[in-house]
């Protein structure tokens, strides 16, 4: 079975049901399939190959998702490219996957390659609509998409995900997060893997309402959008959840229809969750998973109260996945999180060295080949048997003989009345530096409050307040940029 079969079923069983809605238009499931098949015919007319990468221009329009499905119907796999990417990065991605074709629907961002305009009907022969190319020869272990993440060396890494991996993920998310008459407000960009969750739910029958990113500049308008469209499900990044909590918007207007609130991407401070729960009566889910494990590998449905300084667990494994906590190659209660299961990616496209470093033989299995993914995330098991995220491995430091997780310091600070925080280690001065936004505290006020939460040796020596912290394209705090600014003496 391929992912397109899910859309085929919906186009037959609920053809007139809305699939996608943006600010300009909406499409039903039948229209989505028809337009995707039409695009597949255009691709086939210009490019006869199958099982090859096709770049797709991505913005916040329904055409983006139609293009994804059109590429799949053509027998190829899609590579999402942000339409605001610098030309140099687009060229780097194209070179990495050796792409020959780019599909665009707003503007041609692909330069010197076979470019296919979604809207150009002259590329479609009269007979093509009835004789669209089949994806014959493509099987479920073939790639569905390649999604690029930022590499530590500055070179992007293309994570390869197959149809079977997405379908495996769909089985879990539909069983866990699907509800009747599901209406989803899409916040995450379609070049970010978190949007795969929403597409998976859409292919289970949900309707996606695509939000304009400017709405989050005016939280009242974001809430009004949710209410105007009777949105009952959101799967947002932590930064979006934080924006709403930090603005205190729910004291003025709150979402009236929400039943499912899921968040992911970073650790959500319990204080922000508590604000949401005070005003919005819904089921809350903390989702965790790297792109390399097909979006989510584990989850926690909030089932108890948390103090503001508590860590919200990432919980337990999704169906058909297993989470290992390893100290080196030995099982431990605290250590690196290692993922095994059907949704573990094949690795990085055209990058065997990076693949071999992260996708390794399961050290607990010496009987036959079995690939697991080493996340680089440090976790521990709590008293409930749940897994808690601590920090990236490279965020652990040793100061005056003490091992310190900078993530734990950040969570302690986040429990105070501030917005965002990042802690850095200044190697030269041997101090922890906290960079934060929100309410201004004196150094003495910070230290007095933090002594009640963490040991004295973990308290930062320097506190720097900014109006806001920079963010990456996928809405996470840009730690690299903050470190560069600090090292350059700008902070």
Protein backbone atom coordinates (compact mmCIF):
# COMPACT_ATOMS: atom_id res chain seq x y z
CA UNK A 1 0.00 0.00 0.00
CA UNK A 2 1.15 3.54 -0.83
CA UNK A 3 0.15 6.81 0.81
CA UNK A 4 -1.86 7.78 -2.28
CA UNK A 5 -4.23 4.86 -1.65
CA UNK A 6 -5.49 6.68 1.44
CA UNK A 7 -6.48 9.68 -0.68
CA UNK A 8 -8.06 7.39 -3.29
CA UNK A 9 -10.29 5.90 -0.59
CA UNK A 10 -11.39 9.32 0.70
CA UNK A 11 -12.08 10.64 -2.81
CA UNK A 12 -14.44 7.70 -3.30
CA UNK A 13 -16.12 7.54 0.12
CA UNK A 14 -16.36 11.25 1.10
CA UNK A 15 -15.71 13.12 -2.17
CA UNK A 16 -17.39 16.38 -1.15
CA UNK A 17 -15.84 16.62 2.32
CA UNK A 18 -13.37 19.48 2.75
CA UNK A 19 -9.75 18.39 2.86
CA UNK A 20 -7.82 21.67 2.88
CA UNK A 21 -8.71 25.32 3.47
CA UNK A 22 -6.45 28.37 3.20
CA UNK A 23 -7.10 32.11 3.08
CA UNK A 24 -7.98 32.01 -0.63
CA UNK A 25 -9.61 28.68 -1.44
CA UNK A 26 -10.67 25.27 -0.26
CA UNK A 27 -10.57 21.82 -1.86
CA UNK A 28 -12.58 18.67 -1.25
CA UNK A 29 -10.98 15.24 -1.15
CA UNK A 30 -12.14 14.58 -4.73
CA UNK A 31 -10.73 17.90 -5.91
CA UNK A 32 -7.49 17.20 -4.07
CA UNK A 33 -7.08 13.86 -5.82
CA UNK A 34 -8.13 15.22 -9.25
CA UNK A 35 -5.70 18.13 -9.08
CA UNK A 36 -2.93 15.87 -7.80
CA UNK A 37 -3.49 13.43 -10.67
CA UNK A 38 -3.45 16.31 -13.14
CA UNK A 39 -0.09 17.45 -11.77
CA UNK A 40 1.20 13.88 -11.93
CA UNK A 41 0.37 13.85 -15.64
CA UNK A 42 2.29 17.10 -16.17
CA UNK A 43 5.30 15.65 -14.37
CA UNK A 44 5.06 12.49 -16.46
CA UNK A 45 4.91 14.50 -19.69
CA UNK A 46 8.12 16.33 -18.88
CA UNK A 47 9.94 13.68 -16.88
CA UNK A 48 9.56 9.96 -17.48
CA UNK A 49 11.48 8.70 -14.45
CA UNK A 50 10.09 7.23 -11.24
CA UNK A 51 11.44 6.78 -7.72
CA UNK A 52 13.46 9.97 -8.01
CA UNK A 53 13.38 13.21 -5.97
CA UNK A 54 11.16 16.09 -7.08
CA UNK A 55 11.61 19.44 -5.36
CA UNK A 56 8.36 21.17 -4.31
CA UNK A 57 7.96 24.87 -3.53
CA UNK A 58 6.35 25.18 -0.10
CA UNK A 59 4.24 28.02 1.28
CA UNK A 60 1.02 28.26 3.26
CA UNK A 61 -1.33 27.40 0.39
CA UNK A 62 -3.42 24.31 -0.33
CA UNK A 63 -1.42 23.88 -3.54
CA UNK A 64 1.60 22.84 -1.46
CA UNK A 65 -0.13 19.66 -0.24
CA UNK A 66 -1.67 19.03 -3.66
CA UNK A 67 1.84 19.15 -5.12
CA UNK A 68 3.09 16.64 -2.53
CA UNK A 69 0.36 14.20 -3.55
CA UNK A 70 0.88 14.90 -7.25
CA UNK A 71 4.53 13.98 -6.98
CA UNK A 72 3.58 10.73 -5.23
CA UNK A 73 1.01 9.90 -7.92
CA UNK A 74 3.74 10.42 -10.54
CA UNK A 75 5.70 7.60 -8.91
CA UNK A 76 8.35 9.86 -7.40
CA UNK A 77 9.02 11.28 -3.94
CA UNK A 78 8.83 14.88 -2.86
CA UNK A 79 11.43 17.16 -1.27
CA UNK A 80 9.80 20.19 0.43
CA UNK A 81 11.64 23.49 -0.11
CA UNK A 82 10.68 26.66 1.73
CA UNK A 83 9.86 29.34 -0.85
CA UNK A 84 11.74 31.88 1.30
CA UNK A 85 14.99 29.87 1.34
CA UNK A 86 18.12 31.62 0.07
CA UNK A 87 19.01 30.53 -3.46
CA UNK A 88 22.29 29.08 -2.16
CA UNK A 89 20.50 26.68 0.20
CA UNK A 90 18.01 25.62 -2.47
CA UNK A 91 20.99 24.88 -4.73
CA UNK A 92 22.63 22.88 -1.92
CA UNK A 93 19.49 20.78 -1.42
CA UNK A 94 19.12 20.20 -5.16
CA UNK A 95 22.76 19.13 -5.38
CA UNK A 96 22.45 16.84 -2.36
CA UNK A 97 19.56 14.85 -3.86
CA UNK A 98 20.72 15.29 -7.48
CA UNK A 99 17.30 16.69 -8.35
CA UNK A 100 16.35 17.25 -11.98
CA UNK A 101 12.79 18.51 -11.47
CA UNK A 102 11.18 21.27 -9.43
CA UNK A 103 7.44 21.86 -9.05
CA UNK A 104 6.22 25.34 -8.16
CA UNK A 105 2.79 26.93 -7.74
CA UNK A 106 3.56 30.53 -6.75
CA UNK A 107 6.97 31.42 -8.19
CA UNK A 108 9.78 29.45 -9.76
CA UNK A 109 12.50 29.16 -7.12
CA UNK A 110 14.40 26.31 -8.73
CA UNK A 111 16.51 27.89 -11.48
CA UNK A 112 18.21 25.66 -14.02
CA UNK A 113 16.26 22.40 -13.89
CA UNK A 114 13.08 20.99 -15.36
CA UNK A 115 10.50 23.33 -13.84
CA UNK A 116 6.82 22.42 -13.72
CA UNK A 117 4.21 25.10 -13.06
CA UNK A 118 1.25 23.68 -11.16
CA UNK A 119 -1.06 26.24 -12.78
CA UNK A 120 0.13 25.86 -16.40
CA UNK A 121 -2.65 23.94 -18.17
CA UNK A 122 -0.77 24.09 -21.49
CA UNK A 123 1.47 21.36 -20.11
CA UNK A 124 -1.48 18.98 -19.88
CA UNK A 125 -2.65 17.09 -22.95
CA UNK A 126 -6.37 16.50 -23.35
CA UNK A 127 -6.08 12.77 -22.87
CA UNK A 128 -3.81 13.00 -19.81
CA UNK A 129 -6.57 13.46 -17.22
CA UNK A 130 -7.95 10.01 -17.97
CA UNK A 131 -4.56 8.40 -18.54
CA UNK A 132 -2.53 9.84 -15.70
CA UNK A 133 0.62 7.90 -14.95
CA UNK A 134 0.33 5.18 -12.37
CA UNK A 135 2.91 4.67 -9.65
CA UNK A 136 3.34 1.12 -10.85
CA UNK A 137 6.72 -0.23 -9.84
CA UNK A 138 6.73 1.82 -6.62
CA UNK A 139 6.32 -0.21 -3.44
CA UNK A 140 5.82 0.79 0.18
CA UNK A 141 9.50 0.56 1.10
CA UNK A 142 10.36 3.21 -1.51
CA UNK A 143 10.81 6.84 -0.41
CA UNK A 144 7.73 8.99 0.17
CA UNK A 145 9.64 12.18 0.98
CA UNK A 146 13.08 13.51 1.86
CA UNK A 147 12.95 16.25 4.46
CA UNK A 148 15.98 18.42 5.12
CA UNK A 149 17.10 19.41 8.60
CA UNK A 150 19.96 21.66 9.60
CA UNK A 151 23.31 19.88 9.91
CA UNK A 152 25.83 20.69 12.64
CA UNK A 153 28.43 21.47 9.96
CA UNK A 154 26.07 23.89 8.21
CA UNK A 155 25.36 21.37 5.44
CA UNK A 156 21.68 20.31 5.39
CA UNK A 157 20.82 16.65 5.92
CA UNK A 158 18.04 15.00 3.93
CA UNK A 159 16.12 12.43 5.99
CA UNK A 160 14.66 9.62 3.86
CA UNK A 161 11.16 8.43 4.88
CA UNK A 162 9.30 5.65 3.05
CA UNK A 163 5.60 5.11 2.39
CA UNK A 164 5.58 2.22 4.85
CA UNK A 165 7.08 4.42 7.59
CA UNK A 166 4.39 7.08 7.11
CA UNK A 167 1.61 4.47 7.01
CA UNK A 168 2.99 2.90 10.18
CA UNK A 169 2.95 6.33 11.82
CA UNK A 170 -0.61 6.91 10.54
CA UNK A 171 -1.86 3.78 12.29
CA UNK A 172 -0.70 5.21 15.61
CA UNK A 173 -1.77 8.83 15.19
CA UNK A 174 -5.25 7.94 13.92
CA UNK A 175 -5.77 5.60 16.86
CA UNK A 176 -4.49 8.19 19.35
CA UNK A 177 -5.43 11.68 18.13
CA UNK A 178 -8.23 11.27 15.60
CA UNK A 179 -11.70 12.44 16.62
CA UNK A 180 -15.05 12.73 14.84
CA UNK A 181 -15.45 15.69 12.46
CA UNK A 182 -11.83 16.68 13.09
CA UNK A 183 -10.95 20.27 12.18
CA UNK A 184 -7.24 21.06 12.48
CA UNK A 185 -5.59 24.48 12.57
CA UNK A 186 -2.23 24.12 10.82
CA UNK A 187 0.49 26.27 12.38
CA UNK A 188 3.65 24.42 11.41
CA UNK A 189 5.18 25.05 7.95
CA UNK A 190 4.88 22.20 5.44
CA UNK A 191 8.67 22.02 5.13
CA UNK A 192 8.81 21.07 8.82
CA UNK A 193 8.18 17.43 9.74
CA UNK A 194 5.56 18.31 12.36
CA UNK A 195 3.14 19.06 9.50
CA UNK A 196 3.26 15.36 8.53
CA UNK A 197 1.08 14.75 11.60
CA UNK A 198 -1.63 16.97 10.17
CA UNK A 199 -1.38 15.48 6.68
CA UNK A 200 -1.64 12.01 8.22
CA UNK A 201 -4.81 13.00 10.08
CA UNK A 202 -6.16 14.61 6.89
CA UNK A 203 -5.62 11.32 5.05
CA UNK A 204 -7.68 9.77 7.84
CA UNK A 205 -10.56 12.15 7.00
CA UNK A 206 -9.78 15.36 8.92
CA UNK A 207 -9.94 18.89 7.47
CA UNK A 208 -6.88 21.14 7.66
CA UNK A 209 -7.35 24.91 8.02
CA UNK A 210 -4.06 26.62 7.16
CA UNK A 211 -3.26 29.58 9.41
CA UNK A 212 -1.44 32.68 8.26
CA UNK A 213 1.76 32.97 10.29
CA UNK A 214 1.05 36.66 10.98
CA UNK A 215 -1.85 35.63 13.22
CA UNK A 216 0.62 34.81 15.97
CA UNK A 217 1.72 38.43 16.03
CA UNK A 218 -1.79 39.17 17.33
CA UNK A 219 -2.81 36.29 19.63
CA UNK A 220 -6.41 37.53 19.87
CA UNK A 221 -6.72 37.06 16.09
CA UNK A 222 -5.25 33.56 16.38
CA UNK A 223 -7.90 32.61 18.92
CA UNK A 224 -10.61 34.20 16.80
CA UNK A 225 -9.43 32.06 13.86
CA UNK A 226 -9.81 28.94 16.00
CA UNK A 227 -13.32 29.94 17.06
CA UNK A 228 -14.49 31.16 13.64
CA UNK A 229 -13.59 27.79 12.09
CA UNK A 230 -14.73 25.68 15.08
CA UNK A 231 -11.23 24.20 15.34
CA UNK A 232 -11.19 21.20 17.66
CA UNK A 233 -7.59 20.03 17.19
CA UNK A 234 -4.20 21.75 17.20
CA UNK A 235 -0.77 20.17 16.87
CA UNK A 236 1.43 23.19 17.44
CA UNK A 237 5.06 23.88 18.09
CA UNK A 238 6.01 24.74 21.65
CA UNK A 239 6.88 28.27 20.54
CA UNK A 240 3.28 28.83 19.35
CA UNK A 241 1.89 27.43 22.60
CA UNK A 242 4.25 29.73 24.51
CA UNK A 243 3.19 32.79 22.51
CA UNK A 244 -0.40 32.29 23.57
CA UNK A 245 0.51 31.70 27.22
CA UNK A 246 2.95 34.61 27.38
CA UNK A 247 0.39 37.02 25.92
CA UNK A 248 -2.23 36.06 28.58
CA UNK A 249 -4.73 36.21 25.72
CA UNK A 250 -7.10 33.67 27.23
CA UNK A 251 -8.08 36.19 29.88
CA UNK A 252 -9.69 38.14 27.03
CA UNK A 253 -10.81 35.39 24.64
CA UNK A 254 -10.22 31.64 24.66
CA UNK A 255 -10.66 28.73 22.20
CA UNK A 256 -14.23 27.45 22.56
CA UNK A 257 -14.08 24.20 20.58
CA UNK A 258 -10.69 22.63 21.28
CA UNK A 259 -10.73 18.97 22.27
CA UNK A 260 -7.15 17.97 21.36
CA UNK A 261 -4.08 20.11 22.14
CA UNK A 262 -0.78 18.52 21.11
CA UNK A 263 2.60 20.22 21.32
CA UNK A 264 6.09 19.24 20.18
CA UNK A 265 9.48 20.46 19.01
CA UNK A 266 10.97 21.58 22.31
CA UNK A 267 10.37 21.07 26.03
CA UNK A 268 7.24 22.96 27.12
CA UNK A 269 7.59 24.56 30.56
CA UNK A 270 4.94 23.24 32.94
CA UNK A 271 4.02 26.83 33.80
CA UNK A 272 2.82 27.40 30.20
CA UNK A 273 0.88 24.13 30.19
CA UNK A 274 -0.77 25.13 33.47
CA UNK A 275 -1.91 28.42 31.94
CA UNK A 276 -3.54 26.60 29.03
CA UNK A 277 -5.22 24.03 31.27
CA UNK A 278 -6.68 26.79 33.42
CA UNK A 279 -8.68 28.15 30.48
CA UNK A 280 -8.97 25.36 27.88
CA UNK A 281 -10.65 22.09 28.83
CA UNK A 282 -9.10 19.61 26.38
CA UNK A 283 -6.95 16.50 26.17
CA UNK A 284 -3.27 17.52 26.15
CA UNK A 285 -0.47 15.55 24.51
CA UNK A 286 3.29 16.07 24.68
CA UNK A 287 4.73 14.56 21.49
CA UNK A 288 8.40 13.74 21.00
CA UNK A 289 10.31 12.49 18.03
CA UNK A 290 13.06 13.43 15.63
CA UNK A 291 12.56 13.68 11.87
CA UNK A 292 14.68 10.54 11.68
CA UNK A 293 11.90 8.51 13.35
CA UNK A 294 9.03 9.70 11.10
CA UNK A 295 7.89 12.62 13.20
CA UNK A 296 6.99 11.10 16.58
CA UNK A 297 8.47 8.18 18.49
CA UNK A 298 6.76 8.65 21.85
CA UNK A 299 4.00 10.61 23.53
CA UNK A 300 2.47 11.51 26.86
CA UNK A 301 -1.16 12.34 27.46
CA UNK A 302 -1.32 14.73 30.40
CA UNK A 303 -3.07 12.83 33.18
CA UNK A 304 -2.11 14.72 36.36
CA UNK A 305 -1.27 18.17 37.70
CA UNK A 306 2.24 19.61 37.51
CA UNK A 307 4.00 22.26 39.56
CA UNK A 308 5.45 25.06 37.47
CA UNK A 309 9.01 23.75 37.93
CA UNK A 310 8.18 20.13 37.01
CA UNK A 311 9.28 18.40 33.81
CA UNK A 312 6.47 17.26 31.53
CA UNK A 313 7.28 13.67 30.47
CA UNK A 314 7.62 12.60 26.87
CA UNK A 315 6.01 9.40 28.07
CA UNK A 316 6.13 6.09 26.27
CA UNK A 317 6.71 4.70 22.81
CA UNK A 318 4.22 5.05 19.98
CA UNK A 319 2.85 1.79 18.59
CA UNK A 320 5.41 -0.43 16.85
CA UNK A 321 8.28 1.59 18.33
CA UNK A 322 10.60 0.94 21.28
CA UNK A 323 12.64 3.43 23.26
CA UNK A 324 15.98 2.36 24.72
CA UNK A 325 17.87 4.39 27.31
CA UNK A 326 21.56 3.60 26.94
CA UNK A 327 24.64 4.67 28.85
CA UNK A 328 27.18 3.84 26.19
CA UNK A 329 25.90 0.47 25.02
CA UNK A 330 24.34 -0.55 28.35
CA UNK A 331 20.72 -0.18 29.45
CA UNK A 332 20.32 2.56 32.08
CA UNK A 333 17.67 4.69 33.79
CA UNK A 334 19.40 7.84 32.52
CA UNK A 335 21.35 8.21 29.32
CA UNK A 336 20.94 8.63 25.55
CA UNK A 337 17.58 7.90 23.98
CA UNK A 338 17.86 5.30 21.20
CA UNK A 339 14.89 4.47 18.95
CA UNK A 340 14.04 1.21 17.25
CA UNK A 341 10.98 0.30 15.20
CA UNK A 342 9.26 0.42 11.85
CA UNK A 343 9.32 4.22 11.53
CA UNK A 344 13.11 4.62 11.89
CA UNK A 345 14.38 6.35 8.74
CA UNK A 346 16.76 4.82 6.20
CA UNK A 347 19.20 7.63 6.95
CA UNK A 348 20.43 10.71 5.12
CA UNK A 349 20.14 10.96 1.35
CA UNK A 350 23.55 10.73 -0.36
CA UNK A 351 25.37 11.04 2.97
CA UNK A 352 26.64 7.65 4.07
CA UNK A 353 29.09 9.02 6.65
CA UNK A 354 26.45 10.91 8.66
CA UNK A 355 24.06 7.98 8.28
CA UNK A 356 26.58 5.51 9.70
CA UNK A 357 27.25 7.80 12.67
CA UNK A 358 23.59 8.06 13.76
CA UNK A 359 21.94 4.91 12.38
CA UNK A 360 23.80 2.03 13.98
CA UNK A 361 23.50 -1.64 14.80
CA UNK A 362 21.41 -2.22 17.91
CA UNK A 363 24.09 -2.85 20.56
CA UNK A 364 21.66 -5.09 22.46
CA UNK A 365 21.23 -7.39 19.44
CA UNK A 366 24.20 -9.40 18.23
CA UNK A 367 22.19 -12.08 16.40
CA UNK A 368 21.20 -10.28 13.16
CA UNK A 369 21.37 -6.84 11.52
CA UNK A 370 19.03 -4.32 13.13
CA UNK A 371 19.34 -0.56 12.70
CA UNK A 372 18.50 1.83 15.53
CA UNK A 373 18.71 5.62 15.67
CA UNK A 374 20.83 7.33 18.30
CA UNK A 375 19.06 10.62 18.98
CA UNK A 376 21.77 12.44 20.91
CA UNK A 377 19.10 13.38 23.47
CA UNK A 378 19.67 12.72 27.16
CA UNK A 379 16.65 11.34 29.00
CA UNK A 380 15.77 9.60 32.23
CA UNK A 381 12.98 7.42 33.60
CA UNK A 382 10.88 9.03 36.34
CA UNK A 383 9.10 7.50 39.33
CA UNK A 384 6.06 6.77 37.14
CA UNK A 385 8.15 4.78 34.68
CA UNK A 386 7.74 7.57 32.09
CA UNK A 387 10.60 9.01 30.09
CA UNK A 388 11.63 12.63 30.68
CA UNK A 389 13.67 14.68 28.24
CA UNK A 390 16.66 16.39 29.89
CA UNK A 391 18.77 17.98 27.15
CA UNK A 392 20.85 17.35 24.09
CA UNK A 393 24.01 15.36 24.82
CA UNK A 394 26.04 18.35 23.72
CA UNK A 395 24.17 20.53 26.27
CA UNK A 396 25.65 18.67 29.22
CA UNK A 397 28.61 20.41 30.84
CA UNK A 398 30.99 19.77 33.72
CA UNK A 399 31.50 22.74 36.05
CA UNK A 400 33.65 22.60 39.19
CA UNK A 401 33.36 18.83 39.17
CA UNK A 402 29.57 18.79 38.79
CA UNK A 403 27.78 17.39 35.74
CA UNK A 404 25.06 19.86 34.77
CA UNK A 405 22.26 19.56 32.22
CA UNK A 406 21.73 23.05 30.83
CA UNK A 407 18.21 21.98 29.91
CA UNK A 408 17.41 21.45 33.57
CA UNK A 409 18.59 24.99 34.34
CA UNK A 410 16.43 26.31 31.51
CA UNK A 411 13.35 24.50 32.81
CA UNK A 412 13.93 25.93 36.28
CA UNK A 413 14.13 29.46 34.87
CA UNK A 414 11.09 28.87 32.66
CA UNK A 415 9.03 28.15 35.77
CA UNK A 416 9.48 31.80 36.71
CA UNK A 417 7.44 34.53 35.06
CA UNK A 418 9.55 34.88 31.90
CA UNK A 419 8.89 34.03 28.25
CA UNK A 420 11.85 32.16 26.65
CA UNK A 421 15.27 31.17 27.94
CA UNK A 422 18.48 29.58 26.69
CA UNK A 423 21.50 28.74 28.82
CA UNK A 424 25.02 28.73 27.37
CA UNK A 425 28.31 27.66 28.86
CA UNK A 426 31.15 30.17 28.59
CA UNK A 427 34.21 27.90 28.44
CA UNK A 428 36.72 30.72 28.83
CA UNK A 429 35.14 32.21 31.95
CA UNK A 430 33.78 28.87 33.19
CA UNK A 431 30.31 30.25 33.88
CA UNK A 432 26.73 29.50 32.88
CA UNK A 433 25.06 32.36 31.00
CA UNK A 434 21.26 32.67 30.83
CA UNK A 435 19.73 34.61 27.94
CA UNK A 436 16.02 35.27 28.35
CA UNK A 437 13.05 37.36 27.25
CA UNK A 438 9.99 38.57 29.12
CA UNK A 439 9.72 40.09 32.58
CA UNK A 440 12.96 41.66 33.82
CA UNK A 441 14.52 40.25 36.99
CA UNK A 442 17.57 41.50 38.84
CA UNK A 443 20.43 39.03 39.29
CA UNK A 444 19.61 38.83 42.98
CA UNK A 445 15.94 38.10 42.29
CA UNK A 446 16.86 35.30 39.90
CA UNK A 447 19.28 33.71 42.35
CA UNK A 448 16.83 33.91 45.24
CA UNK A 449 14.08 32.26 43.20
CA UNK A 450 16.30 29.61 41.60
CA UNK A 451 17.78 28.47 44.93
CA UNK A 452 14.35 27.07 45.75
CA UNK A 453 14.38 24.92 42.58
CA UNK A 454 17.93 23.83 41.70
CA UNK A 455 21.27 23.47 43.53
CA UNK A 456 23.35 26.62 43.90
CA UNK A 457 26.11 25.28 41.62
CA UNK A 458 23.60 25.12 38.72
CA UNK A 459 22.50 28.76 38.98
CA UNK A 460 23.78 30.93 36.10
CA UNK A 461 26.41 33.56 36.88
CA UNK A 462 25.18 35.98 34.26
CA UNK A 463 21.68 36.90 33.07
CA UNK A 464 21.07 38.71 29.76
CA UNK A 465 17.62 39.99 28.85
CA UNK A 466 16.55 40.46 25.21
CA UNK A 467 13.25 41.69 23.82
CA UNK A 468 12.90 38.35 22.02
CA UNK A 469 15.06 35.34 21.23
CA UNK A 470 15.86 34.52 17.58
CA UNK A 471 14.18 31.50 16.03
CA UNK A 472 14.96 29.04 13.29
CA UNK A 473 12.63 28.43 10.35
CA UNK A 474 10.94 25.58 12.21
CA UNK A 475 10.18 27.98 15.11
CA UNK A 476 12.70 26.58 17.59
CA UNK A 477 14.95 28.99 19.49
CA UNK A 478 18.10 29.56 17.43
CA UNK A 479 20.78 28.53 19.90
CA UNK A 480 23.53 28.71 17.31
CA UNK A 481 22.81 32.35 16.53
CA UNK A 482 22.64 33.25 20.22
CA UNK A 483 26.01 31.60 20.86
CA UNK A 484 27.55 33.41 17.90
CA UNK A 485 26.24 36.74 19.15
CA UNK A 486 27.55 36.01 22.63
CA UNK A 487 31.00 34.95 21.39
CA UNK A 488 31.18 38.01 19.14
CA UNK A 489 30.52 40.24 22.16
CA UNK A 490 27.14 41.46 20.94
CA UNK A 491 25.40 40.36 24.16
